[in-house]
Amino acid sequence: MKCYSLSLYDINNELLLPQIELTPKEQNILNLTVKGLMNKEIAKNSSMTTRNVEYYIGRLFNKTKNRSRSELIRYCIQNRINI
């Protein structure tokens, strides 16, 4: 299974935060979440159930240490994570 790594570096090219490994599904869910889609819309776009979307969003919360969609989006913006 292919995984994506998100890592953040400062101006001296030193690692600021530990790498976050995302599966392709997690990357897709994160992308659609940042675009503002709701769980039902993400499920329809990704050909999965709403419950599966909730599961993957929960995994994203755990991996990024966030508790809400807005915190997750702010985390991506503040850490300049390209989605």
Protein backbone atom coordinates (compact mmCIF):
# COMPACT_ATOMS: atom_id res chain seq x y z
CA MET A 1 0.00 0.00 0.00
CA LYS A 2 1.35 3.42 -0.95
CA CYS A 3 1.58 6.01 1.82
CA TYR A 4 2.14 9.73 1.66
CA SER A 5 4.42 11.52 4.11
CA LEU A 6 3.76 15.01 5.33
CA SER A 7 6.73 16.66 6.96
CA LEU A 8 7.49 20.22 7.92
CA TYR A 9 10.85 21.93 7.76
CA ASP A 10 12.05 25.34 8.92
CA ILE A 11 14.19 27.76 6.89
CA ASN A 12 17.34 25.86 7.89
CA ASN A 13 15.83 22.67 6.47
CA GLU A 14 15.46 21.14 9.95
CA LEU A 15 12.48 18.92 10.68
CA LEU A 16 9.90 20.77 12.79
CA LEU A 17 7.29 18.08 13.28
CA PRO A 18 7.48 14.34 12.96
CA GLN A 19 6.39 12.88 9.65
CA ILE A 20 2.74 12.01 9.28
CA GLU A 21 2.12 8.98 7.10
CA LEU A 22 -1.16 9.12 5.16
CA THR A 23 -2.67 6.39 3.05
CA PRO A 24 -4.10 7.40 -0.34
CA LYS A 25 -7.63 7.23 1.11
CA GLU A 26 -6.64 9.46 4.05
CA GLN A 27 -5.01 11.90 1.63
CA ASN A 28 -8.19 11.98 -0.48
CA ILE A 29 -10.43 12.47 2.58
CA LEU A 30 -8.15 15.25 3.87
CA ASN A 31 -8.22 16.98 0.48
CA LEU A 32 -12.03 16.88 0.29
CA THR A 33 -12.37 17.96 3.93
CA VAL A 34 -10.15 20.99 3.38
CA LYS A 35 -12.28 21.89 0.34
CA GLY A 36 -15.25 22.11 2.72
CA LEU A 37 -17.20 19.00 1.76
CA MET A 38 -19.41 17.36 4.37
CA ASN A 39 -19.19 13.63 5.19
CA LYS A 40 -22.11 12.73 2.92
CA GLU A 41 -20.52 14.59 -0.02
CA ILE A 42 -17.12 13.02 0.65
CA ALA A 43 -18.73 9.57 0.77
CA LYS A 44 -20.45 10.14 -2.56
CA ASN A 45 -17.23 11.45 -4.18
CA SER A 46 -15.13 8.59 -2.77
CA SER A 47 -17.60 5.72 -3.34
CA MET A 48 -17.69 4.78 0.34
CA THR A 49 -20.17 4.95 3.18
CA THR A 50 -20.57 7.93 5.46
CA ARG A 51 -19.43 5.72 8.35
CA ASN A 52 -16.15 4.96 6.53
CA VAL A 53 -15.60 8.68 5.97
CA GLU A 54 -16.13 9.28 9.72
CA TYR A 55 -13.59 6.54 10.44
CA TYR A 56 -10.94 8.09 8.17
CA ILE A 57 -11.54 11.59 9.53
CA GLY A 58 -11.07 10.15 13.02
CA ARG A 59 -7.76 8.65 11.90
CA LEU A 60 -6.72 12.05 10.55
CA PHE A 61 -7.63 13.68 13.89
CA ASN A 62 -5.50 11.12 15.74
CA LYS A 63 -2.52 11.45 13.43
CA THR A 64 -2.51 15.26 13.54
CA LYS A 65 -3.56 15.52 17.22
CA ASN A 66 -6.65 17.57 16.36
CA ARG A 67 -10.24 17.22 17.59
CA SER A 68 -12.34 18.96 14.94
CA ARG A 69 -12.51 19.66 11.22
CA SER A 70 -11.71 23.32 11.77
CA GLU A 71 -8.62 22.42 13.83
CA LEU A 72 -7.57 19.98 11.09
CA ILE A 73 -7.94 22.63 8.39
CA ARG A 74 -6.11 25.22 10.51
CA TYR A 75 -3.34 22.67 11.12
CA CYS A 76 -2.92 22.17 7.37
CA ILE A 77 -2.86 25.92 6.71
CA GLN A 78 -0.51 26.81 9.56
CA ASN A 79 1.90 24.04 8.67
CA ARG A 80 1.73 24.75 4.95
CA ILE A 81 0.66 21.21 4.12
CA ASN A 82 -0.06 21.01 0.41
CA ILE A 83 -3.13 19.01 -0.27
